[in-house]
């Protein structure tokens, strides 16, 4: 790599990440997605739902790893090590797993799915639910979180308050889901609020884990897996798409409201920066 390009990457890490992440996902990942969807038979629904999307969802991860190699302290190995959990991370991830399961069940119940129907579906298709969770972790969550919380959030958090960093990350993350933004103004607006709300919640987990990514990866998978599972089960049983749409809407409202409560409850923390807190600690000492 030429010295001017390396200098530009070091001077503009956020712009470089956005260009690389969007470029890999859309210029490389989308053509692979289209080809993969055509090549895999519809009967292989689980495989068809995840495998062709790998280069799309790994666009942020590949961008982060490239920048870590050329412009990051510690290189790609240091970034990847942040996926490893501490003992505390495992307990936090378990709590997140349980809380997200309750949230998903509540959303489905409000959407009109009975508790008995949910129980029968989980009992009959427990392996499918586990497969969705595992694939959400390996394909979706790791691919995205190495970029969003692994590279982008730390870069923004080093320059501004935690809240602004979370909102900026959420806005870019939401725009990255461009196809969903063309689904109508109301749907797109709610989706953007949902993603920004998740960005706030994930930022809190990221900060609690001292920039570790394990709990955020688990949380990302836990948000998606239950309703992706329900979509496949209900489609096979001739279920209503309207119930799934309502469940997603309820879940979006729940997570967005949770993020708002968290910000209001910890406003001082959100409005400050890590550098400000370190300086205050030094003055107090």
Protein backbone atom coordinates (compact mmCIF):
# COMPACT_ATOMS: atom_id res chain seq x y z
CA UNK A 1 0.00 0.00 0.00
CA UNK A 2 1.30 3.46 -0.91
CA UNK A 3 2.20 5.90 1.84
CA UNK A 4 -0.41 8.53 0.78
CA UNK A 5 -3.19 5.93 0.90
CA UNK A 6 -2.06 4.65 4.29
CA UNK A 7 -1.94 8.23 5.55
CA UNK A 8 -5.48 8.85 4.27
CA UNK A 9 -6.74 5.69 6.00
CA UNK A 10 -5.17 6.79 9.28
CA UNK A 11 -6.62 10.30 8.92
CA UNK A 12 -10.12 9.20 7.88
CA UNK A 13 -10.84 5.81 9.53
CA UNK A 14 -14.63 6.31 9.63
CA UNK A 15 -14.96 7.34 5.98
CA UNK A 16 -12.63 4.53 4.92
CA UNK A 17 -14.67 1.99 6.87
CA UNK A 18 -17.99 3.16 5.43
CA UNK A 19 -16.66 3.06 1.85
CA UNK A 20 -15.16 -0.39 2.31
CA UNK A 21 -18.11 -1.90 4.20
CA UNK A 22 -20.72 -0.66 1.73
CA UNK A 23 -18.51 -1.48 -1.25
CA UNK A 24 -17.86 -5.07 -0.18
CA UNK A 25 -21.48 -5.69 0.84
CA UNK A 26 -23.12 -4.21 -2.24
CA UNK A 27 -20.59 -4.48 -5.06
CA UNK A 28 -19.40 -7.98 -4.14
CA UNK A 29 -21.91 -9.42 -1.70
CA UNK A 30 -25.14 -8.60 -3.53
CA UNK A 31 -24.11 -10.27 -6.84
CA UNK A 32 -23.03 -13.34 -4.85
CA UNK A 33 -26.35 -13.27 -3.00
CA UNK A 34 -28.33 -13.18 -6.23
CA UNK A 35 -26.29 -16.01 -7.74
CA UNK A 36 -26.52 -18.09 -4.56
CA UNK A 37 -30.28 -17.69 -4.28
CA UNK A 38 -30.60 -18.95 -7.85
CA UNK A 39 -28.26 -21.89 -7.28
CA UNK A 40 -29.76 -23.24 -4.02
CA UNK A 41 -33.11 -25.00 -4.29
CA UNK A 42 -36.00 -23.48 -2.28
CA UNK A 43 -36.43 -26.73 -0.34
CA UNK A 44 -33.08 -26.05 1.36
CA UNK A 45 -34.63 -23.10 3.16
CA UNK A 46 -32.17 -22.77 6.03
CA UNK A 47 -29.12 -23.01 3.79
CA UNK A 48 -30.70 -20.67 1.26
CA UNK A 49 -31.49 -18.13 3.94
CA UNK A 50 -27.93 -17.74 5.21
CA UNK A 51 -25.20 -19.04 2.89
CA UNK A 52 -25.70 -16.65 -0.07
CA UNK A 53 -25.67 -13.67 2.32
CA UNK A 54 -22.24 -14.29 3.79
CA UNK A 55 -20.38 -11.68 1.75
CA UNK A 56 -23.17 -9.14 2.31
CA UNK A 57 -23.17 -9.47 6.08
CA UNK A 58 -19.40 -9.89 6.27
CA UNK A 59 -18.82 -6.62 4.43
CA UNK A 60 -18.45 -4.68 7.73
CA UNK A 61 -16.19 -7.38 9.21
CA UNK A 62 -13.91 -7.53 6.19
CA UNK A 63 -13.71 -3.73 6.09
CA UNK A 64 -12.76 -3.65 9.78
CA UNK A 65 -10.13 -6.38 9.38
CA UNK A 66 -8.57 -4.62 6.38
CA UNK A 67 -8.39 -1.33 8.25
CA UNK A 68 -7.04 -3.05 11.35
CA UNK A 69 -4.26 -4.45 9.17
CA UNK A 70 -3.34 -1.17 7.50
CA UNK A 71 -4.37 1.46 10.02
CA UNK A 72 -5.19 -0.17 13.33
CA UNK A 73 -3.22 -0.75 16.51
CA UNK A 74 -2.64 -4.45 17.08
CA UNK A 75 -3.80 -5.56 13.65
CA UNK A 76 -6.58 -8.01 12.78
CA UNK A 77 -5.55 -10.46 15.52
CA UNK A 78 -6.28 -7.88 18.22
CA UNK A 79 -9.71 -7.20 16.70
CA UNK A 80 -10.56 -10.90 16.50
CA UNK A 81 -9.47 -11.50 20.11
CA UNK A 82 -12.24 -9.14 21.20
CA UNK A 83 -14.72 -11.86 20.20
CA UNK A 84 -13.43 -14.06 23.03
CA UNK A 85 -15.51 -13.92 26.22
CA UNK A 86 -14.45 -13.32 29.78
CA UNK A 87 -16.22 -15.19 32.58
CA UNK A 88 -18.40 -12.13 33.23
CA UNK A 89 -19.28 -11.94 29.53
CA UNK A 90 -20.68 -15.47 29.63
CA UNK A 91 -23.05 -14.62 32.48
CA UNK A 92 -24.13 -11.35 30.83
CA UNK A 93 -24.71 -13.18 27.53
CA UNK A 94 -26.86 -15.77 29.35
CA UNK A 95 -28.98 -12.96 30.83
CA UNK A 96 -29.29 -11.34 27.40
CA UNK A 97 -30.33 -14.70 25.93
CA UNK A 98 -33.12 -15.13 28.48
CA UNK A 99 -34.32 -11.52 28.26
CA UNK A 100 -34.44 -11.56 24.47
CA UNK A 101 -36.37 -14.83 24.52
CA UNK A 102 -38.96 -13.28 26.82
CA UNK A 103 -39.13 -10.21 24.55
CA UNK A 104 -39.65 -12.32 21.42
CA UNK A 105 -42.31 -14.47 23.10
CA UNK A 106 -44.10 -11.35 24.33
CA UNK A 107 -44.03 -9.82 20.85
CA UNK A 108 -45.45 -12.97 19.27
CA UNK A 109 -48.11 -13.22 21.97
CA UNK A 110 -49.22 -9.62 21.40
CA UNK A 111 -49.23 -10.32 17.65
CA UNK A 112 -51.80 -13.08 18.16
CA UNK A 113 -49.71 -16.23 18.56
CA UNK A 114 -50.93 -18.31 21.49
CA UNK A 115 -48.58 -19.58 24.18
CA UNK A 116 -49.61 -23.15 23.33
CA UNK A 117 -48.75 -22.63 19.66
CA UNK A 118 -45.34 -21.23 20.54
CA UNK A 119 -44.66 -24.09 22.93
CA UNK A 120 -45.63 -26.73 20.35
CA UNK A 121 -43.48 -25.12 17.68
CA UNK A 122 -40.40 -24.87 19.90
CA UNK A 123 -40.84 -28.46 21.12
CA UNK A 124 -41.34 -29.83 17.61
CA UNK A 125 -38.55 -27.79 16.00
CA UNK A 126 -36.01 -27.23 18.77
CA UNK A 127 -33.16 -28.22 16.45
CA UNK A 128 -34.27 -25.67 13.87
CA UNK A 129 -34.35 -22.93 16.51
CA UNK A 130 -30.83 -23.88 17.65
CA UNK A 131 -29.66 -23.87 14.03
CA UNK A 132 -31.08 -20.39 13.47
CA UNK A 133 -29.33 -19.11 16.57
CA UNK A 134 -25.99 -20.71 15.60
CA UNK A 135 -26.21 -19.34 12.05
CA UNK A 136 -27.24 -15.92 13.29
CA UNK A 137 -24.11 -15.89 15.46
CA UNK A 138 -21.68 -17.21 12.85
CA UNK A 139 -23.05 -15.62 9.70
CA UNK A 140 -24.89 -12.46 10.72
CA UNK A 141 -23.75 -11.25 14.13
CA UNK A 142 -19.99 -11.86 13.82
CA UNK A 143 -20.01 -10.51 10.26
CA UNK A 144 -21.71 -7.28 11.27
CA UNK A 145 -20.41 -6.70 14.81
CA UNK A 146 -16.72 -6.92 13.94
CA UNK A 147 -17.47 -3.85 11.85
CA UNK A 148 -20.13 -1.86 13.71
CA UNK A 149 -18.98 -2.32 17.29
CA UNK A 150 -15.51 -3.66 16.50
CA UNK A 151 -14.31 -0.73 14.38
CA UNK A 152 -16.88 2.00 13.77
CA UNK A 153 -18.15 2.56 17.32
CA UNK A 154 -14.66 2.79 18.91
CA UNK A 155 -13.59 5.29 16.25
CA UNK A 156 -16.63 7.49 16.89
CA UNK A 157 -16.48 7.06 20.69
CA UNK A 158 -12.91 8.36 20.68
CA UNK A 159 -14.13 11.62 19.14
CA UNK A 160 -17.49 12.38 20.74
CA UNK A 161 -19.91 11.43 23.51
CA UNK A 162 -21.11 7.87 23.91
CA UNK A 163 -24.64 8.81 22.86
CA UNK A 164 -23.51 10.53 19.67
CA UNK A 165 -21.23 7.60 18.89
CA UNK A 166 -24.12 5.17 19.39
CA UNK A 167 -26.48 7.27 17.26
CA UNK A 168 -23.90 7.70 14.51
CA UNK A 169 -23.17 3.98 14.44
CA UNK A 170 -26.89 3.23 14.40
CA UNK A 171 -27.56 5.65 11.55
CA UNK A 172 -24.83 4.13 9.36
CA UNK A 173 -25.91 0.62 10.34
CA UNK A 174 -29.49 1.46 9.39
CA UNK A 175 -28.56 2.98 6.02
CA UNK A 176 -26.51 -0.15 5.31
CA UNK A 177 -29.86 -2.01 5.31
CA UNK A 178 -30.84 0.04 2.27
CA UNK A 179 -33.30 -2.45 0.68
CA UNK A 180 -35.47 -2.38 3.81
CA UNK A 181 -35.63 1.40 3.62
CA UNK A 182 -37.66 1.19 0.40
CA UNK A 183 -40.53 -0.68 2.08
CA UNK A 184 -42.64 2.42 2.72
CA UNK A 185 -42.12 5.51 4.85
CA UNK A 186 -43.74 4.17 8.03
CA UNK A 187 -41.94 0.81 7.88
CA UNK A 188 -38.60 2.39 7.01
CA UNK A 189 -38.89 5.01 9.76
CA UNK A 190 -39.75 2.40 12.38
CA UNK A 191 -36.90 0.19 11.22
CA UNK A 192 -34.39 3.04 11.47
CA UNK A 193 -35.57 3.88 14.99
CA UNK A 194 -35.29 0.19 15.87
CA UNK A 195 -31.73 -0.07 14.58
CA UNK A 196 -30.71 3.12 16.35
CA UNK A 197 -32.33 1.80 19.54
CA UNK A 198 -30.41 -1.45 19.20
CA UNK A 199 -27.24 0.55 18.62
CA UNK A 200 -27.77 2.28 21.97
CA UNK A 201 -28.40 -1.02 23.77
CA UNK A 202 -25.43 -2.71 22.08
CA UNK A 203 -23.20 0.28 22.90
CA UNK A 204 -24.06 -0.17 26.56
CA UNK A 205 -23.17 -3.88 26.37
CA UNK A 206 -19.97 -3.04 24.50
CA UNK A 207 -18.92 -0.50 27.13
CA UNK A 208 -19.81 -2.86 29.98
CA UNK A 209 -17.61 -5.51 28.36
CA UNK A 210 -14.76 -2.99 27.99
CA UNK A 211 -14.98 -3.01 24.20
CA UNK A 212 -15.39 -6.79 24.06
CA UNK A 213 -17.68 -8.13 21.35
CA UNK A 214 -18.91 -11.47 22.67
CA UNK A 215 -22.01 -10.19 24.46
CA UNK A 216 -22.90 -7.90 21.56
CA UNK A 217 -22.64 -10.79 19.10
CA UNK A 218 -24.92 -12.92 21.27
CA UNK A 219 -27.38 -10.03 21.66
CA UNK A 220 -27.47 -9.44 17.90
CA UNK A 221 -28.22 -13.11 17.25
CA UNK A 222 -30.84 -13.18 20.01
CA UNK A 223 -32.77 -10.29 18.47
CA UNK A 224 -32.99 -11.97 15.06
CA UNK A 225 -33.12 -15.71 15.66
CA UNK A 226 -36.56 -16.16 17.33
CA UNK A 227 -38.57 -14.37 14.65
CA UNK A 228 -36.48 -15.79 11.78
CA UNK A 229 -37.30 -19.19 13.27
CA UNK A 230 -40.97 -18.32 13.61
CA UNK A 231 -41.09 -17.09 10.02
CA UNK A 232 -39.88 -20.47 8.75
CA UNK A 233 -42.12 -22.52 11.06
CA UNK A 234 -45.26 -20.49 10.39
CA UNK A 235 -44.64 -20.50 6.62
CA UNK A 236 -44.37 -24.29 6.67
CA UNK A 237 -47.63 -24.51 8.60
CA UNK A 238 -49.42 -22.02 6.37
CA UNK A 239 -49.31 -19.34 9.06
CA UNK A 240 -50.18 -15.69 8.66
CA UNK A 241 -47.51 -13.24 7.52
CA UNK A 242 -49.55 -10.51 9.22
CA UNK A 243 -48.83 -11.97 12.65
CA UNK A 244 -45.11 -12.00 11.91
CA UNK A 245 -45.24 -8.40 10.69
CA UNK A 246 -47.04 -7.34 13.88
CA UNK A 247 -44.55 -9.28 16.03
CA UNK A 248 -41.60 -7.49 14.41
CA UNK A 249 -43.33 -4.14 14.97
CA UNK A 250 -43.96 -4.92 18.64
CA UNK A 251 -40.37 -6.08 19.10
CA UNK A 252 -39.10 -2.89 17.44
CA UNK A 253 -41.16 -0.75 19.80
CA UNK A 254 -39.98 -2.73 22.83
CA UNK A 255 -36.27 -2.44 22.04
CA UNK A 256 -36.53 1.21 21.01
CA UNK A 257 -38.39 2.06 24.24
CA UNK A 258 -35.80 0.14 26.24
CA UNK A 259 -33.01 2.16 24.65
CA UNK A 260 -34.80 5.44 25.45
CA UNK A 261 -35.26 4.43 29.10
CA UNK A 262 -31.59 3.44 29.34
CA UNK A 263 -30.43 6.80 27.97
CA UNK A 264 -32.70 8.80 30.29
CA UNK A 265 -31.70 6.72 33.31
CA UNK A 266 -27.96 7.16 32.66
CA UNK A 267 -27.92 10.54 30.92
CA UNK A 268 -24.67 11.75 32.49
CA UNK A 269 -22.85 8.63 31.36
CA UNK A 270 -24.25 8.83 27.84
CA UNK A 271 -23.52 12.53 27.41
CA UNK A 272 -19.89 12.22 28.52
CA UNK A 273 -16.88 10.67 26.86
CA UNK A 274 -14.44 8.10 28.19
CA UNK A 275 -11.68 10.74 27.97
CA UNK A 276 -13.72 13.16 30.11
CA UNK A 277 -14.25 10.49 32.76
CA UNK A 278 -10.55 9.60 32.83
CA UNK A 279 -9.67 13.27 33.26
CA UNK A 280 -12.20 13.62 36.11
CA UNK A 281 -10.77 10.54 37.80
CA UNK A 282 -7.24 11.99 37.58
CA UNK A 283 -8.40 15.30 39.13
CA UNK A 284 -10.18 13.41 41.93
CA UNK A 285 -7.03 11.45 42.65
